[in-house]
Amino acid sequence: MNRFSRILRHLAAPHWVVRRAFPRRTGDAVADAVRRIERAYDIELRVAVEGGMPPLALLRGKTSRARAHELFSQLGVWDTEHNCGVLVYVQFADRRIEIVADRGIGAKVKQSEWDAACAAMTSEFRAGHFEAGMLEGISSLSKLIRQHVPPAPPGKRGELPDRPAIL
């Protein structure tokens, strides 16, 4: 795909387009699912959905993966007490899903396992079922995390917001 068509696609995906696909009720459902997984396991899960990337990032050729790493930092996912932050980044215009994990969990989970969780979301998203896709993805993450992450310590409180960040 050429750079010009990618820039046009991102300009055609403003904030309100994402809000239509991820309305408040979807945000509520995602927040509930995030709270459930965080209560069960020593993990901090953050979801971010972005319509179009900033124009300067596009002009510089920034990939969805690089943008996910940037948001991992900006949203404070890297700064959890047990280094157990995980970011699920949905790049709406590029139709990409990226998962970035902090070193406390990233070393335990293979990339192919993260990719399988992304695939669970992608098939629902293609059908226009964004809420179902997010919930399916979080369910897949929960099964994956169960294999690699210890239970949540007693009295654990969420360090990051549970609601998805709509950018």
Protein backbone atom coordinates (compact mmCIF):
# COMPACT_ATOMS: atom_id res chain seq x y z
CA MET A 1 0.00 0.00 0.00
CA ASN A 2 1.38 3.42 -0.76
CA ARG A 3 1.87 6.13 1.82
CA PHE A 4 -0.68 8.51 0.27
CA SER A 5 -3.56 6.01 0.41
CA ARG A 6 -2.65 5.15 4.00
CA ILE A 7 -2.73 8.83 4.99
CA LEU A 8 -6.16 9.24 3.33
CA ARG A 9 -7.49 6.18 5.15
CA HIS A 10 -6.32 7.61 8.48
CA LEU A 11 -7.84 11.01 7.75
CA ALA A 12 -11.12 9.23 7.00
CA ALA A 13 -11.12 7.60 10.47
CA PRO A 14 -11.61 10.50 12.90
CA HIS A 15 -12.43 10.14 16.57
CA TRP A 16 -16.22 10.11 16.03
CA VAL A 17 -16.00 7.11 13.65
CA VAL A 18 -14.34 5.10 16.41
CA ARG A 19 -16.94 6.31 18.93
CA ARG A 20 -19.68 4.97 16.65
CA ALA A 21 -18.03 1.56 16.46
CA PHE A 22 -17.18 1.55 20.21
CA PRO A 23 -20.13 3.29 21.94
CA ARG A 24 -20.44 3.74 25.69
CA ARG A 25 -22.11 0.34 26.23
CA THR A 26 -19.12 -1.35 24.54
CA GLY A 27 -16.77 0.61 26.78
CA ASP A 28 -18.77 -0.53 29.81
CA ALA A 29 -18.65 -4.18 28.72
CA VAL A 30 -14.90 -4.00 28.05
CA ALA A 31 -14.27 -2.30 31.42
CA ASP A 32 -16.20 -5.08 33.19
CA ALA A 33 -14.17 -7.76 31.39
CA VAL A 34 -10.90 -5.98 32.23
CA ARG A 35 -11.88 -5.74 35.92
CA ARG A 36 -12.65 -9.48 36.01
CA ILE A 37 -9.29 -10.49 34.55
CA GLU A 38 -7.40 -8.07 36.82
CA ARG A 39 -9.17 -9.38 39.94
CA ALA A 40 -8.21 -12.94 39.03
CA TYR A 41 -4.60 -12.49 37.88
CA ASP A 42 -1.60 -10.29 38.63
CA ILE A 43 -1.99 -8.26 35.46
CA GLU A 44 -2.87 -4.73 34.45
CA LEU A 45 -4.73 -4.72 31.14
CA ARG A 46 -5.23 -1.52 29.16
CA VAL A 47 -7.22 -1.26 25.94
CA ALA A 48 -6.69 1.59 23.48
CA VAL A 49 -8.59 2.14 20.24
CA GLU A 50 -7.36 4.73 17.77
CA GLY A 51 -9.05 5.87 14.58
CA GLY A 52 -6.34 7.59 12.59
CA MET A 53 -2.80 8.11 13.73
CA PRO A 54 -1.47 11.67 14.04
CA PRO A 55 -0.48 13.04 10.61
CA LEU A 56 3.19 13.51 11.55
CA ALA A 57 3.43 9.85 12.57
CA LEU A 58 2.01 8.84 9.21
CA LEU A 59 4.40 11.08 7.29
CA ARG A 60 7.26 9.44 9.15
CA GLY A 61 5.93 6.00 8.18
CA LYS A 62 5.18 4.89 11.74
CA THR A 63 3.76 1.36 11.87
CA SER A 64 0.87 0.24 14.04
CA ARG A 65 3.34 -1.77 16.11
CA ALA A 66 5.55 1.26 16.70
CA ARG A 67 2.48 3.33 17.63
CA ALA A 68 1.43 0.62 20.11
CA HIS A 69 4.84 0.82 21.77
CA GLU A 70 4.53 4.61 21.93
CA LEU A 71 1.09 4.37 23.57
CA PHE A 72 2.36 1.66 25.94
CA SER A 73 4.60 4.38 27.34
CA GLN A 74 2.18 7.33 27.08
CA LEU A 75 -0.65 5.47 28.82
CA GLY A 76 1.65 4.31 31.64
CA VAL A 77 1.21 0.60 30.95
CA TRP A 78 4.96 0.09 31.44
CA ASP A 79 4.84 1.59 34.93
CA THR A 80 2.95 -1.05 36.94
CA GLU A 81 4.20 -2.27 40.29
CA HIS A 82 4.93 -5.85 39.18
CA ASN A 83 5.82 -5.05 35.54
CA CYS A 84 2.66 -6.86 34.51
CA GLY A 85 1.08 -4.35 32.14
CA VAL A 86 -0.45 -5.45 28.85
CA LEU A 87 -1.73 -3.07 26.17
CA VAL A 88 -4.25 -4.17 23.57
CA TYR A 89 -4.05 -1.57 20.81
CA VAL A 90 -6.65 -1.48 18.04
CA GLN A 91 -5.56 0.64 15.08
CA PHE A 92 -8.90 1.24 13.37
CA ALA A 93 -7.68 2.78 10.09
CA ASP A 94 -4.97 0.16 9.50
CA ARG A 95 -7.24 -2.64 10.74
CA ARG A 96 -4.46 -3.91 13.00
CA ILE A 97 -4.45 -5.21 16.55
CA GLU A 98 -1.23 -5.14 18.53
CA ILE A 99 -0.52 -6.50 21.98
CA VAL A 100 2.44 -5.09 23.89
CA ALA A 101 3.38 -6.66 27.23
CA ASP A 102 5.71 -5.50 29.97
CA ARG A 103 8.75 -7.60 30.83
CA GLY A 104 7.04 -9.29 33.79
CA ILE A 105 4.69 -11.13 31.45
CA GLY A 106 6.25 -10.61 28.02
CA ALA A 107 9.10 -13.02 28.77
CA LYS A 108 6.62 -15.78 29.64
CA VAL A 109 4.32 -15.58 26.62
CA LYS A 110 5.35 -16.37 23.05
CA GLN A 111 4.48 -13.95 20.26
CA SER A 112 2.45 -16.67 18.54
CA GLU A 113 0.21 -16.83 21.63
CA TRP A 114 -0.41 -13.07 21.55
CA ASP A 115 -1.10 -13.35 17.81
CA ALA A 116 -3.78 -16.01 18.46
CA ALA A 117 -5.53 -13.63 20.86
CA CYS A 118 -5.42 -10.91 18.18
CA ALA A 119 -6.91 -13.33 15.64
CA ALA A 120 -9.86 -13.96 17.95
CA MET A 121 -10.70 -10.25 17.80
CA THR A 122 -9.98 -9.79 14.11
CA SER A 123 -12.61 -12.22 12.85
CA GLU A 124 -15.36 -10.49 14.86
CA PHE A 125 -14.14 -7.03 13.84
CA ARG A 126 -14.29 -8.00 10.16
CA ALA A 127 -17.97 -8.79 10.64
CA GLY A 128 -18.51 -5.39 12.30
CA HIS A 129 -19.04 -6.92 15.75
CA PHE A 130 -16.68 -4.70 17.72
CA GLU A 131 -18.04 -5.36 21.20
CA ALA A 132 -18.09 -9.13 20.62
CA GLY A 133 -14.59 -8.93 19.18
CA MET A 134 -13.19 -7.06 22.18
CA LEU A 135 -14.85 -9.46 24.61
CA GLU A 136 -13.64 -12.48 22.66
CA GLY A 137 -10.13 -11.05 22.64
CA ILE A 138 -10.17 -10.42 26.39
CA SER A 139 -11.50 -13.94 26.96
CA SER A 140 -8.64 -15.34 24.86
CA LEU A 141 -6.19 -13.24 26.86
CA SER A 142 -7.68 -14.55 30.08
CA LYS A 143 -7.11 -18.16 29.01
CA LEU A 144 -3.57 -17.33 27.95
CA ILE A 145 -2.77 -15.40 31.10
CA ARG A 146 -4.09 -18.21 33.28
CA GLN A 147 -1.24 -20.37 31.96
CA HIS A 148 1.54 -17.86 32.63
CA VAL A 149 0.58 -15.38 35.34
CA PRO A 150 0.08 -15.95 39.07
CA PRO A 151 -3.21 -15.14 40.78
CA ALA A 152 -3.73 -11.56 41.88
CA PRO A 153 -2.16 -10.81 45.26
CA PRO A 154 -4.56 -10.16 48.16
CA GLY A 155 -5.82 -6.60 48.25
CA LYS A 156 -4.63 -5.84 44.70
CA ARG A 157 -6.12 -2.66 43.32
CA GLY A 158 -6.23 -1.66 39.69
CA GLU A 159 -3.40 0.69 38.77
CA LEU A 160 -4.67 1.62 35.30
CA PRO A 161 -8.12 2.70 34.08
CA ASP A 162 -10.37 -0.18 33.05
CA ARG A 163 -12.30 1.73 30.39
CA PRO A 164 -10.83 1.64 26.90
CA ALA A 165 -8.95 4.74 25.81
CA ILE A 166 -10.58 6.03 22.63
CA LEU A 167 -7.96 8.09 20.82
